[in-house]
Amino acid sequence: QELVGSLNIYSRTATAFDQFDAELMRLYSVAAGQAISNSNRWQKSRETVTQLETALLSRSDIDMAKGALIALHGCSPDEAFDRLV
């Protein structure tokens, strides 16, 4: 599991928390960690979708440029792409 945060609990006395409190905080920490991890994964997924959408929109421009290079220089599609990048 990935560490995404920490939970610090303080008390003025050494006996303020019992086993029930410890288990409750452990459960809370696990749930909060999962929520943060899910949020991070969702954000990365959105970034990937945005990048893929941009790539799809620019693909036709790249294909037209490749076609022009192939026509002008008589090169292969791979060579034309290499010249573009």
PDB file of N, CA and C in Angstrom:
ATOM      1  N   GLN A   1       0.831  -1.195   0.000  1.00  0.00           N
ATOM      2  CA  GLN A   1       0.000   0.000   0.000  1.00  0.00           C
ATOM      3  C   GLN A   1       0.866   1.245   0.000  1.00  0.00           C
ATOM      4  N   GLU A   2       0.356   2.278  -0.613  1.00  0.00           N
ATOM      5  CA  GLU A   2       1.041   3.552  -0.695  1.00  0.00           C
ATOM      6  C   GLU A   2       0.687   4.410   0.523  1.00  0.00           C
ATOM      7  N   LEU A   3       1.689   5.003   1.144  1.00  0.00           N
ATOM      8  CA  LEU A   3       1.448   5.905   2.269  1.00  0.00           C
ATOM      9  C   LEU A   3       1.000   7.255   1.718  1.00  0.00           C
ATOM     10  N   VAL A   4      -0.181   7.692   2.109  1.00  0.00           N
ATOM     11  CA  VAL A   4      -0.721   8.952   1.591  1.00  0.00           C
ATOM     12  C   VAL A   4      -0.928  10.000   2.674  1.00  0.00           C
ATOM     13  N   GLY A   5      -0.641   9.683   3.906  1.00  0.00           N
ATOM     14  CA  GLY A   5      -0.831  10.647   4.977  1.00  0.00           C
ATOM     15  C   GLY A   5      -0.628  10.010   6.333  1.00  0.00           C
ATOM     16  N   SER A   6      -0.872  10.789   7.354  1.00  0.00           N
ATOM     17  CA  SER A   6      -0.762  10.269   8.717  1.00  0.00           C
ATOM     18  C   SER A   6      -1.844  10.921   9.578  1.00  0.00           C
ATOM     19  N   LEU A   7      -2.147  10.260  10.666  1.00  0.00           N
ATOM     20  CA  LEU A   7      -3.142  10.765  11.607  1.00  0.00           C
ATOM     21  C   LEU A   7      -2.478  10.828  12.973  1.00  0.00           C
ATOM     22  N   ASN A   8      -2.405  12.003  13.527  1.00  0.00           N
ATOM     23  CA  ASN A   8      -1.825  12.198  14.852  1.00  0.00           C
ATOM     24  C   ASN A   8      -2.940  12.558  15.823  1.00  0.00           C
ATOM     25  N   ILE A   9      -2.996  11.841  16.930  1.00  0.00           N
ATOM     26  CA  ILE A   9      -4.011  12.083  17.950  1.00  0.00           C
ATOM     27  C   ILE A   9      -3.289  12.373  19.262  1.00  0.00           C
ATOM     28  N   TYR A  10      -3.675  13.443  19.906  1.00  0.00           N
ATOM     29  CA  TYR A  10      -3.012  13.858  21.136  1.00  0.00           C
ATOM     30  C   TYR A  10      -3.996  13.869  22.299  1.00  0.00           C
ATOM     31  N   SER A  11      -3.438  13.702  23.501  1.00  0.00           N
ATOM     32  CA  SER A  11      -4.235  13.757  24.719  1.00  0.00           C
ATOM     33  C   SER A  11      -3.377  14.336  25.834  1.00  0.00           C
ATOM     34  N   ARG A  12      -4.030  14.894  26.806  1.00  0.00           N
ATOM     35  CA  ARG A  12      -3.309  15.427  27.965  1.00  0.00           C
ATOM     36  C   ARG A  12      -2.950  14.326  28.962  1.00  0.00           C
ATOM     37  N   THR A  13      -3.628  13.177  28.833  1.00  0.00           N
ATOM     38  CA  THR A  13      -3.347  12.073  29.757  1.00  0.00           C
ATOM     39  C   THR A  13      -2.946  10.827  28.979  1.00  0.00           C
ATOM     40  N   ALA A  14      -2.199   9.962  29.633  1.00  0.00           N
ATOM     41  CA  ALA A  14      -1.704   8.748  28.987  1.00  0.00           C
ATOM     42  C   ALA A  14      -2.801   7.716  28.773  1.00  0.00           C
ATOM     43  N   THR A  15      -3.880   7.806  29.514  1.00  0.00           N
ATOM     44  CA  THR A  15      -4.938   6.788  29.429  1.00  0.00           C
ATOM     45  C   THR A  15      -6.216   7.307  28.753  1.00  0.00           C
ATOM     46  N   ALA A  16      -6.088   8.358  27.961  1.00  0.00           N
ATOM     47  CA  ALA A  16      -7.273   8.966  27.345  1.00  0.00           C
ATOM     48  C   ALA A  16      -7.911   8.062  26.296  1.00  0.00           C
ATOM     49  N   PHE A  17      -7.119   7.217  25.643  1.00  0.00           N
ATOM     50  CA  PHE A  17      -7.638   6.375  24.567  1.00  0.00           C
ATOM     51  C   PHE A  17      -7.535   4.912  24.957  1.00  0.00           C
ATOM     52  N   ASP A  18      -8.598   4.182  24.687  1.00  0.00           N
ATOM     53  CA  ASP A  18      -8.570   2.747  24.961  1.00  0.00           C
ATOM     54  C   ASP A  18      -8.458   1.980  23.634  1.00  0.00           C
ATOM     55  N   GLN A  19      -8.553   0.665  23.710  1.00  0.00           N
ATOM     56  CA  GLN A  19      -8.416  -0.185  22.526  1.00  0.00           C
ATOM     57  C   GLN A  19      -9.503   0.117  21.493  1.00  0.00           C
ATOM     58  N   PHE A  20     -10.707   0.396  21.960  1.00  0.00           N
ATOM     59  CA  PHE A  20     -11.796   0.751  21.046  1.00  0.00           C
ATOM     60  C   PHE A  20     -11.444   2.004  20.248  1.00  0.00           C
ATOM     61  N   ASP A  21     -10.920   3.028  20.937  1.00  0.00           N
ATOM     62  CA  ASP A  21     -10.522   4.264  20.254  1.00  0.00           C
ATOM     63  C   ASP A  21      -9.425   3.992  19.227  1.00  0.00           C
ATOM     64  N   ALA A  22      -8.470   3.170  19.604  1.00  0.00           N
ATOM     65  CA  ALA A  22      -7.372   2.840  18.691  1.00  0.00           C
ATOM     66  C   ALA A  22      -7.896   2.142  17.438  1.00  0.00           C
ATOM     67  N   GLU A  23      -8.797   1.200  17.618  1.00  0.00           N
ATOM     68  CA  GLU A  23      -9.364   0.479  16.469  1.00  0.00           C
ATOM     69  C   GLU A  23     -10.210   1.414  15.608  1.00  0.00           C
ATOM     70  N   LEU A  24     -10.965   2.284  16.238  1.00  0.00           N
ATOM     71  CA  LEU A  24     -11.781   3.243  15.500  1.00  0.00           C
ATOM     72  C   LEU A  24     -10.900   4.167  14.653  1.00  0.00           C
ATOM     73  N   MET A  25      -9.822   4.639  15.215  1.00  0.00           N
ATOM     74  CA  MET A  25      -8.910   5.514  14.473  1.00  0.00           C
ATOM     75  C   MET A  25      -8.184   4.753  13.360  1.00  0.00           C
ATOM     76  N   ARG A  26      -7.885   3.479  13.598  1.00  0.00           N
ATOM     77  CA  ARG A  26      -7.266   2.662  12.551  1.00  0.00           C
ATOM     78  C   ARG A  26      -8.227   2.525  11.378  1.00  0.00           C
ATOM     79  N   LEU A  27      -9.485   2.222  11.667  1.00  0.00           N
ATOM     80  CA  LEU A  27     -10.486   2.103  10.608  1.00  0.00           C
ATOM     81  C   LEU A  27     -10.671   3.428   9.866  1.00  0.00           C
ATOM     82  N   TYR A  28     -10.703   4.508  10.608  1.00  0.00           N
ATOM     83  CA  TYR A  28     -10.834   5.827   9.992  1.00  0.00           C
ATOM     84  C   TYR A  28      -9.641   6.112   9.086  1.00  0.00           C
ATOM     85  N   SER A  29      -8.442   5.792   9.558  1.00  0.00           N
ATOM     86  CA  SER A  29      -7.226   6.032   8.775  1.00  0.00           C
ATOM     87  C   SER A  29      -7.231   5.226   7.486  1.00  0.00           C
ATOM     88  N   VAL A  30      -7.645   3.968   7.566  1.00  0.00           N
ATOM     89  CA  VAL A  30      -7.703   3.117   6.370  1.00  0.00           C
ATOM     90  C   VAL A  30      -8.693   3.701   5.365  1.00  0.00           C
ATOM     91  N   ALA A  31      -9.874   4.071   5.830  1.00  0.00           N
ATOM     92  CA  ALA A  31     -10.893   4.631   4.933  1.00  0.00           C
ATOM     93  C   ALA A  31     -10.427   5.948   4.315  1.00  0.00           C
ATOM     94  N   ALA A  32      -9.825   6.804   5.114  1.00  0.00           N
ATOM     95  CA  ALA A  32      -9.340   8.084   4.597  1.00  0.00           C
ATOM     96  C   ALA A  32      -8.223   7.861   3.583  1.00  0.00           C
ATOM     97  N   GLY A  33      -7.328   6.927   3.866  1.00  0.00           N
ATOM     98  CA  GLY A  33      -6.246   6.611   2.933  1.00  0.00           C
ATOM     99  C   GLY A  33      -6.770   6.091   1.606  1.00  0.00           C
ATOM    100  N   GLN A  34      -7.780   5.240   1.670  1.00  0.00           N
ATOM    101  CA  GLN A  34      -8.379   4.722   0.439  1.00  0.00           C
ATOM    102  C   GLN A  34      -9.057   5.836  -0.353  1.00  0.00           C
ATOM    103  N   ALA A  35      -9.716   6.734   0.329  1.00  0.00           N
ATOM    104  CA  ALA A  35     -10.370   7.859  -0.354  1.00  0.00           C
ATOM    105  C   ALA A  35      -9.341   8.746  -1.050  1.00  0.00           C
ATOM    106  N   ILE A  36      -8.234   9.012  -0.381  1.00  0.00           N
ATOM    107  CA  ILE A  36      -7.177   9.831  -0.979  1.00  0.00           C
ATOM    108  C   ILE A  36      -6.562   9.107  -2.174  1.00  0.00           C
ATOM    109  N   SER A  37      -6.284   7.816  -2.029  1.00  0.00           N
ATOM    110  CA  SER A  37      -5.724   7.037  -3.140  1.00  0.00           C
ATOM    111  C   SER A  37      -6.674   7.015  -4.330  1.00  0.00           C
ATOM    112  N   ASN A  38      -7.961   6.818  -4.068  1.00  0.00           N
ATOM    113  CA  ASN A  38      -8.947   6.816  -5.153  1.00  0.00           C
ATOM    114  C   ASN A  38      -8.996   8.168  -5.851  1.00  0.00           C
ATOM    115  N   SER A  39      -8.912   9.225  -5.085  1.00  0.00           N
ATOM    116  CA  SER A  39      -8.914  10.563  -5.670  1.00  0.00           C
ATOM    117  C   SER A  39      -7.687  10.768  -6.550  1.00  0.00           C
ATOM    118  N   ASN A  40      -6.529  10.313  -6.084  1.00  0.00           N
ATOM    119  CA  ASN A  40      -5.300  10.430  -6.873  1.00  0.00           C
ATOM    120  C   ASN A  40      -5.414   9.639  -8.173  1.00  0.00           C
ATOM    121  N   ARG A  41      -5.944   8.413  -8.082  1.00  0.00           N
ATOM    122  CA  ARG A  41      -6.122   7.593  -9.289  1.00  0.00           C
ATOM    123  C   ARG A  41      -7.099   8.239 -10.261  1.00  0.00           C
ATOM    124  N   TRP A  42      -8.173   8.801  -9.749  1.00  0.00           N
ATOM    125  CA  TRP A  42      -9.151   9.466 -10.605  1.00  0.00           C
ATOM    126  C   TRP A  42      -8.507  10.640 -11.328  1.00  0.00           C
ATOM    127  N   GLN A  43      -7.713  11.429 -10.608  1.00  0.00           N
ATOM    128  CA  GLN A  43      -7.050  12.586 -11.215  1.00  0.00           C
ATOM    129  C   GLN A  43      -6.093  12.141 -12.312  1.00  0.00           C
ATOM    130  N   LYS A  44      -5.318  11.094 -12.071  1.00  0.00           N
ATOM    131  CA  LYS A  44      -4.399  10.585 -13.094  1.00  0.00           C
ATOM    132  C   LYS A  44      -5.167  10.071 -14.300  1.00  0.00           C
ATOM    133  N   SER A  45      -6.297   9.429 -14.069  1.00  0.00           N
ATOM    134  CA  SER A  45      -7.130   8.944 -15.175  1.00  0.00           C
ATOM    135  C   SER A  45      -7.644  10.108 -16.011  1.00  0.00           C
ATOM    136  N   ARG A  46      -8.098  11.173 -15.357  1.00  0.00           N
ATOM    137  CA  ARG A  46      -8.575  12.351 -16.087  1.00  0.00           C
ATOM    138  C   ARG A  46      -7.458  12.966 -16.924  1.00  0.00           C
ATOM    139  N   GLU A  47      -6.246  13.015 -16.375  1.00  0.00           N
ATOM    140  CA  GLU A  47      -5.120  13.566 -17.129  1.00  0.00           C
ATOM    141  C   GLU A  47      -4.827  12.707 -18.354  1.00  0.00           C
ATOM    142  N   THR A  48      -4.888  11.385 -18.193  1.00  0.00           N
ATOM    143  CA  THR A  48      -4.658  10.481 -19.315  1.00  0.00           C
ATOM    144  C   THR A  48      -5.724  10.667 -20.382  1.00  0.00           C
ATOM    145  N   VAL A  49      -6.976  10.776 -19.978  1.00  0.00           N
ATOM    146  CA  VAL A  49      -8.068  10.991 -20.935  1.00  0.00           C
ATOM    147  C   VAL A  49      -7.845  12.292 -21.704  1.00  0.00           C
ATOM    148  N   THR A  50      -7.465  13.341 -21.018  1.00  0.00           N
ATOM    149  CA  THR A  50      -7.214  14.626 -21.671  1.00  0.00           C
ATOM    150  C   THR A  50      -6.081  14.510 -22.683  1.00  0.00           C
ATOM    151  N   GLN A  51      -5.004  13.812 -22.304  1.00  0.00           N
ATOM    152  CA  GLN A  51      -3.882  13.621 -23.225  1.00  0.00           C
ATOM    153  C   GLN A  51      -4.299  12.811 -24.446  1.00  0.00           C
ATOM    154  N   LEU A  52      -5.094  11.771 -24.237  1.00  0.00           N
ATOM    155  CA  LEU A  52      -5.550  10.949 -25.357  1.00  0.00           C
ATOM    156  C   LEU A  52      -6.485  11.732 -26.275  1.00  0.00           C
ATOM    157  N   GLU A  53      -7.360  12.542 -25.700  1.00  0.00           N
ATOM    158  CA  GLU A  53      -8.248  13.370 -26.520  1.00  0.00           C
ATOM    159  C   GLU A  53      -7.449  14.345 -27.374  1.00  0.00           C
ATOM    160  N   THR A  54      -6.431  14.949 -26.777  1.00  0.00           N
ATOM    161  CA  THR A  54      -5.574  15.875 -27.514  1.00  0.00           C
ATOM    162  C   THR A  54      -4.847  15.152 -28.639  1.00  0.00           C
ATOM    163  N   ALA A  55      -4.335  13.959 -28.341  1.00  0.00           N
ATOM    164  CA  ALA A  55      -3.631  13.178 -29.364  1.00  0.00           C
ATOM    165  C   ALA A  55      -4.560  12.816 -30.515  1.00  0.00           C
ATOM    166  N   LEU A  56      -5.787  12.433 -30.206  1.00  0.00           N
ATOM    167  CA  LEU A  56      -6.739  12.087 -31.266  1.00  0.00           C
ATOM    168  C   LEU A  56      -7.081  13.295 -32.132  1.00  0.00           C
ATOM    169  N   LEU A  57      -7.226  14.449 -31.512  1.00  0.00           N
ATOM    170  CA  LEU A  57      -7.546  15.656 -32.275  1.00  0.00           C
ATOM    171  C   LEU A  57      -6.395  16.081 -33.178  1.00  0.00           C
ATOM    172  N   SER A  58      -5.164  15.873 -32.736  1.00  0.00           N
ATOM    173  CA  SER A  58      -4.008  16.298 -33.531  1.00  0.00           C
ATOM    174  C   SER A  58      -3.564  15.226 -34.526  1.00  0.00           C
ATOM    175  N   ARG A  59      -4.129  14.041 -34.450  1.00  0.00           N
ATOM    176  CA  ARG A  59      -3.705  12.956 -35.330  1.00  0.00           C
ATOM    177  C   ARG A  59      -3.947  13.288 -36.800  1.00  0.00           C
ATOM    178  N   SER A  60      -5.101  13.866 -37.111  1.00  0.00           N
ATOM    179  CA  SER A  60      -5.388  14.183 -38.517  1.00  0.00           C
ATOM    180  C   SER A  60      -4.392  15.200 -39.062  1.00  0.00           C
ATOM    181  N   ASP A  61      -3.983  16.166 -38.248  1.00  0.00           N
ATOM    182  CA  ASP A  61      -2.969  17.133 -38.673  1.00  0.00           C
ATOM    183  C   ASP A  61      -1.645  16.438 -38.949  1.00  0.00           C
ATOM    184  N   ILE A  62      -1.291  15.511 -38.085  1.00  0.00           N
ATOM    185  CA  ILE A  62      -0.039  14.773 -38.260  1.00  0.00           C
ATOM    186  C   ILE A  62      -0.101  13.926 -39.526  1.00  0.00           C
ATOM    187  N   ASP A  63      -1.240  13.269 -39.746  1.00  0.00           N
ATOM    188  CA  ASP A  63      -1.387  12.444 -40.946  1.00  0.00           C
ATOM    189  C   ASP A  63      -1.290  13.290 -42.216  1.00  0.00           C
ATOM    190  N   MET A  64      -1.871  14.495 -42.200  1.00  0.00           N
ATOM    191  CA  MET A  64      -1.770  15.375 -43.372  1.00  0.00           C
ATOM    192  C   MET A  64      -0.323  15.803 -43.601  1.00  0.00           C
ATOM    193  N   ALA A  65       0.380  16.128 -42.518  1.00  0.00           N
ATOM    194  CA  ALA A  65       1.778  16.531 -42.652  1.00  0.00           C
ATOM    195  C   ALA A  65       2.630  15.372 -43.161  1.00  0.00           C
ATOM    196  N   LYS A  66       2.356  14.176 -42.656  1.00  0.00           N
ATOM    197  CA  LYS A  66       3.081  12.998 -43.152  1.00  0.00           C
ATOM    198  C   LYS A  66       2.832  12.806 -44.646  1.00  0.00           C
ATOM    199  N   GLY A  67       1.579  12.951 -45.054  1.00  0.00           N
ATOM    200  CA  GLY A  67       1.246  12.807 -46.473  1.00  0.00           C
ATOM    201  C   GLY A  67       1.988  13.807 -47.337  1.00  0.00           C
ATOM    202  N   ALA A  68       2.096  15.030 -46.860  1.00  0.00           N
ATOM    203  CA  ALA A  68       2.822  16.053 -47.610  1.00  0.00           C
ATOM    204  C   ALA A  68       4.297  15.691 -47.730  1.00  0.00           C
ATOM    205  N   LEU A  69       4.889  15.213 -46.645  1.00  0.00           N
ATOM    206  CA  LEU A  69       6.302  14.820 -46.687  1.00  0.00           C
ATOM    207  C   LEU A  69       6.522  13.626 -47.606  1.00  0.00           C
ATOM    208  N   ILE A  70       5.602  12.679 -47.572  1.00  0.00           N
ATOM    209  CA  ILE A  70       5.709  11.508 -48.448  1.00  0.00           C
ATOM    210  C   ILE A  70       5.646  11.957 -49.909  1.00  0.00           C
ATOM    211  N   ALA A  71       4.726  12.868 -50.214  1.00  0.00           N
ATOM    212  CA  ALA A  71       4.581  13.350 -51.592  1.00  0.00           C
ATOM    213  C   ALA A  71       5.798  14.156 -52.035  1.00  0.00           C
ATOM    214  N   LEU A  72       6.321  14.987 -51.145  1.00  0.00           N
ATOM    215  CA  LEU A  72       7.456  15.844 -51.504  1.00  0.00           C
ATOM    216  C   LEU A  72       8.776  15.095 -51.585  1.00  0.00           C
ATOM    217  N   HIS A  73       8.986  14.174 -50.655  1.00  0.00           N
ATOM    218  CA  HIS A  73      10.293  13.529 -50.538  1.00  0.00           C
ATOM    219  C   HIS A  73      10.289  12.066 -50.953  1.00  0.00           C
ATOM    220  N   GLY A  74       9.135  11.499 -51.219  1.00  0.00           N
ATOM    221  CA  GLY A  74       9.064  10.093 -51.616  1.00  0.00           C
ATOM    222  C   GLY A  74       9.529   9.145 -50.519  1.00  0.00           C
ATOM    223  N   CYS A  75       9.312   9.523 -49.275  1.00  0.00           N
ATOM    224  CA  CYS A  75       9.750   8.686 -48.151  1.00  0.00           C
ATOM    225  C   CYS A  75       8.591   7.813 -47.667  1.00  0.00           C
ATOM    226  N   SER A  76       8.915   6.899 -46.756  1.00  0.00           N
ATOM    227  CA  SER A  76       7.888   6.025 -46.175  1.00  0.00           C
ATOM    228  C   SER A  76       7.121   6.790 -45.092  1.00  0.00           C
ATOM    229  N   PRO A  77       5.956   6.278 -44.699  1.00  0.00           N
ATOM    230  CA  PRO A  77       5.216   6.937 -43.608  1.00  0.00           C
ATOM    231  C   PRO A  77       6.031   7.028 -42.313  1.00  0.00           C
ATOM    232  N   ASP A  78       6.791   5.986 -41.999  1.00  0.00           N
ATOM    233  CA  ASP A  78       7.617   6.027 -40.783  1.00  0.00           C
ATOM    234  C   ASP A  78       8.703   7.089 -40.888  1.00  0.00           C
ATOM    235  N   GLU A  79       9.334   7.193 -42.060  1.00  0.00           N
ATOM    236  CA  GLU A  79      10.368   8.214 -42.251  1.00  0.00           C
ATOM    237  C   GLU A  79       9.758   9.616 -42.172  1.00  0.00           C
ATOM    238  N   ALA A  80       8.575   9.774 -42.734  1.00  0.00           N
ATOM    239  CA  ALA A  80       7.902  11.074 -42.664  1.00  0.00           C
ATOM    240  C   ALA A  80       7.603  11.446 -41.217  1.00  0.00           C
ATOM    241  N   PHE A  81       7.130  10.483 -40.443  1.00  0.00           N
ATOM    242  CA  PHE A  81       6.846  10.754 -39.030  1.00  0.00           C
ATOM    243  C   PHE A  81       8.126  11.113 -38.289  1.00  0.00           C
ATOM    244  N   ASP A  82       9.212  10.380 -38.560  1.00  0.00           N
ATOM    245  CA  ASP A  82      10.492  10.687 -37.913  1.00  0.00           C
ATOM    246  C   ASP A  82      10.945  12.110 -38.232  1.00  0.00           C
ATOM    247  N   ARG A  83      10.691  12.571 -39.447  1.00  0.00           N
ATOM    248  CA  ARG A  83      11.063  13.942 -39.814  1.00  0.00           C
ATOM    249  C   ARG A  83      10.230  14.970 -39.038  1.00  0.00           C
ATOM    250  N   LEU A  84       9.000  14.589 -38.713  1.00  0.00           N
ATOM    251  CA  LEU A  84       8.139  15.512 -37.964  1.00  0.00           C
ATOM    252  C   LEU A  84       8.550  15.637 -36.502  1.00  0.00           C
ATOM    253  N   VAL A  85       9.010  14.547 -35.951  1.00  0.00           N
ATOM    254  CA  VAL A  85       9.377  14.574 -34.537  1.00  0.00           C
ATOM    255  C   VAL A  85      10.856  14.552 -34.428  1.00  0.00           C
TER     256      VAL A  85
END
